[in-house]
């Protein structure tokens, strides 16, 4: 593995941070939605994410790039936002109704679904390693929820 200090593997650092914060999200959300409507909880969370994201955009000066966004990017980012919205709504409802220890592994099964979609839509290479990994994730998910 190449040195992370060199910046070539910074994606790995960010991916690990994403996993840590996703784990915190599940636990904090489960505690937060115990006595409220899951849709309202999702809306509150979304406002917080919106404020944080735009705050970072303005702090880094990235808002200057808005005019350069292509129509294709707008369409796919909007579709991604809609998918995210549905994902969060269903996730919060599932967390409200079920155990986090069972909801989270099923939610993370999205890894396998994303891999399959990457193979089909993005034409990414199907390797033995990714297939075996996907099978193991699938089996692990089944073991955790059964």
Protein backbone atom coordinates (compact mmCIF):
# COMPACT_ATOMS: atom_id res chain seq x y z
CA UNK A 1 0.00 0.00 0.00
CA UNK A 2 1.34 3.43 -0.93
CA UNK A 3 1.97 5.99 1.74
CA UNK A 4 -1.08 7.92 2.86
CA UNK A 5 1.18 10.87 3.69
CA UNK A 6 1.94 11.27 -0.01
CA UNK A 7 -1.69 12.06 -0.71
CA UNK A 8 -2.18 9.25 -3.22
CA UNK A 9 -4.39 7.31 -0.83
CA UNK A 10 -6.27 10.17 0.76
CA UNK A 11 -9.44 8.57 -0.58
CA UNK A 12 -8.83 5.81 1.96
CA UNK A 13 -8.61 8.26 4.86
CA UNK A 14 -11.82 9.96 3.76
CA UNK A 15 -13.57 6.59 3.25
CA UNK A 16 -12.59 5.48 6.76
CA UNK A 17 -13.78 8.79 8.21
CA UNK A 18 -17.03 8.33 6.30
CA UNK A 19 -17.48 4.90 7.87
CA UNK A 20 -16.82 6.25 11.37
CA UNK A 21 -19.30 9.10 10.94
CA UNK A 22 -21.87 6.77 9.33
CA UNK A 23 -21.62 4.54 12.39
CA UNK A 24 -22.08 7.54 14.67
CA UNK A 25 -25.05 8.61 12.54
CA UNK A 26 -26.83 5.33 13.14
CA UNK A 27 -26.40 5.38 16.90
CA UNK A 28 -27.16 9.09 17.32
CA UNK A 29 -30.20 8.81 15.05
CA UNK A 30 -31.56 5.77 16.91
CA UNK A 31 -31.35 7.70 20.18
CA UNK A 32 -32.78 10.87 18.63
CA UNK A 33 -35.87 9.36 17.00
CA UNK A 34 -37.11 7.37 19.97
CA UNK A 35 -39.96 9.74 20.76
CA UNK A 36 -40.71 11.47 17.46
CA UNK A 37 -41.89 10.95 13.91
CA UNK A 38 -39.10 9.55 11.74
CA UNK A 39 -40.00 11.81 8.79
CA UNK A 40 -39.68 14.91 10.98
CA UNK A 41 -36.36 13.60 12.28
CA UNK A 42 -35.14 13.11 8.72
CA UNK A 43 -36.16 16.66 7.82
CA UNK A 44 -34.28 18.08 10.82
CA UNK A 45 -31.19 16.05 9.94
CA UNK A 46 -31.42 17.22 6.34
CA UNK A 47 -31.47 20.89 7.37
CA UNK A 48 -28.37 20.33 9.49
CA UNK A 49 -26.60 18.61 6.58
CA UNK A 50 -27.69 21.42 4.25
CA UNK A 51 -26.28 24.12 6.53
CA UNK A 52 -23.03 22.20 7.03
CA UNK A 53 -22.54 21.50 3.32
CA UNK A 54 -23.19 25.09 2.22
CA UNK A 55 -21.04 26.37 5.07
CA UNK A 56 -18.12 24.31 3.79
CA UNK A 57 -18.79 25.44 0.21
CA UNK A 58 -18.59 29.09 1.25
CA UNK A 59 -15.61 28.56 3.57
CA UNK A 60 -13.63 26.99 0.74
CA UNK A 61 -14.85 29.39 -1.96
CA UNK A 62 -16.28 26.57 -4.06
CA UNK A 63 -19.47 28.55 -4.78
CA UNK A 64 -17.54 30.27 -7.59
CA UNK A 65 -17.80 27.03 -9.57
CA UNK A 66 -21.61 26.97 -9.68
CA UNK A 67 -21.82 28.55 -13.16
CA UNK A 68 -19.51 25.83 -14.51
CA UNK A 69 -21.81 22.95 -13.59
CA UNK A 70 -23.05 21.16 -16.71
CA UNK A 71 -26.68 20.24 -17.35
CA UNK A 72 -25.74 16.55 -17.12
CA UNK A 73 -24.14 17.11 -13.71
CA UNK A 74 -27.21 19.03 -12.49
CA UNK A 75 -29.55 16.23 -13.59
CA UNK A 76 -27.51 13.45 -11.99
CA UNK A 77 -26.85 15.41 -8.79
CA UNK A 78 -30.57 16.13 -8.47
CA UNK A 79 -31.38 12.46 -9.04
CA UNK A 80 -28.72 11.52 -6.48
CA UNK A 81 -30.28 13.96 -4.02
CA UNK A 82 -33.71 12.39 -4.54
CA UNK A 83 -32.23 8.92 -4.00
CA UNK A 84 -30.48 10.18 -0.85
CA UNK A 85 -33.74 11.64 0.43
CA UNK A 86 -35.59 8.37 -0.03
CA UNK A 87 -32.69 6.44 1.50
CA UNK A 88 -32.68 8.65 4.60
CA UNK A 89 -36.48 8.53 4.99
CA UNK A 90 -36.54 4.73 4.79
CA UNK A 91 -33.42 4.42 6.96
CA UNK A 92 -34.86 6.56 9.75
CA UNK A 93 -38.17 4.69 9.64
CA UNK A 94 -36.34 1.36 9.78
CA UNK A 95 -34.19 2.61 12.68
CA UNK A 96 -37.28 3.76 14.52
CA UNK A 97 -39.00 0.39 14.10
CA UNK A 98 -36.06 -2.01 14.34
CA UNK A 99 -32.82 -2.67 16.15
CA UNK A 100 -29.87 -0.61 14.92
CA UNK A 101 -27.75 -3.78 14.98
CA UNK A 102 -30.04 -5.23 12.30
CA UNK A 103 -31.01 -2.11 10.34
CA UNK A 104 -27.43 -0.91 9.83
CA UNK A 105 -26.10 -4.12 8.18
CA UNK A 106 -29.05 -4.18 5.81
CA UNK A 107 -28.50 -0.52 4.99
CA UNK A 108 -24.82 -1.23 4.37
CA UNK A 109 -25.85 -3.97 1.94
CA UNK A 110 -26.01 -0.96 -0.37
CA UNK A 111 -22.28 -1.66 -0.85
CA UNK A 112 -23.12 -4.84 -2.77
CA UNK A 113 -25.93 -3.17 -4.69
CA UNK A 114 -23.56 -0.30 -5.59
CA UNK A 115 -20.95 -2.77 -6.79
CA UNK A 116 -23.44 -4.50 -9.07
CA UNK A 117 -24.67 -1.16 -10.42
CA UNK A 118 -21.06 -0.04 -10.97
CA UNK A 119 -20.44 -3.16 -13.03
CA UNK A 120 -23.61 -2.70 -15.09
CA UNK A 121 -23.95 1.08 -15.46
CA UNK A 122 -20.38 2.35 -15.08
CA UNK A 123 -18.83 -0.68 -16.82
CA UNK A 124 -16.29 -1.09 -14.00
CA UNK A 125 -14.18 -4.22 -14.09
CA UNK A 126 -15.64 -7.34 -12.51
CA UNK A 127 -12.78 -9.03 -10.70
CA UNK A 128 -12.61 -12.17 -8.62
CA UNK A 129 -11.70 -10.03 -5.61
CA UNK A 130 -14.80 -7.82 -5.94
CA UNK A 131 -17.12 -10.77 -6.54
CA UNK A 132 -15.75 -12.69 -3.54
CA UNK A 133 -15.93 -9.53 -1.42
CA UNK A 134 -19.53 -8.93 -2.49
CA UNK A 135 -20.46 -12.51 -1.66
CA UNK A 136 -18.82 -12.23 1.77
CA UNK A 137 -20.61 -8.95 2.49
CA UNK A 138 -23.90 -10.57 1.44
CA UNK A 139 -23.28 -13.59 3.69
CA UNK A 140 -22.21 -11.33 6.56
CA UNK A 141 -25.38 -9.27 6.16
CA UNK A 142 -27.51 -12.41 6.25
CA UNK A 143 -25.72 -13.72 9.34
CA UNK A 144 -26.21 -10.40 11.15
CA UNK A 145 -29.94 -10.08 10.46
CA UNK A 146 -31.12 -13.68 10.78
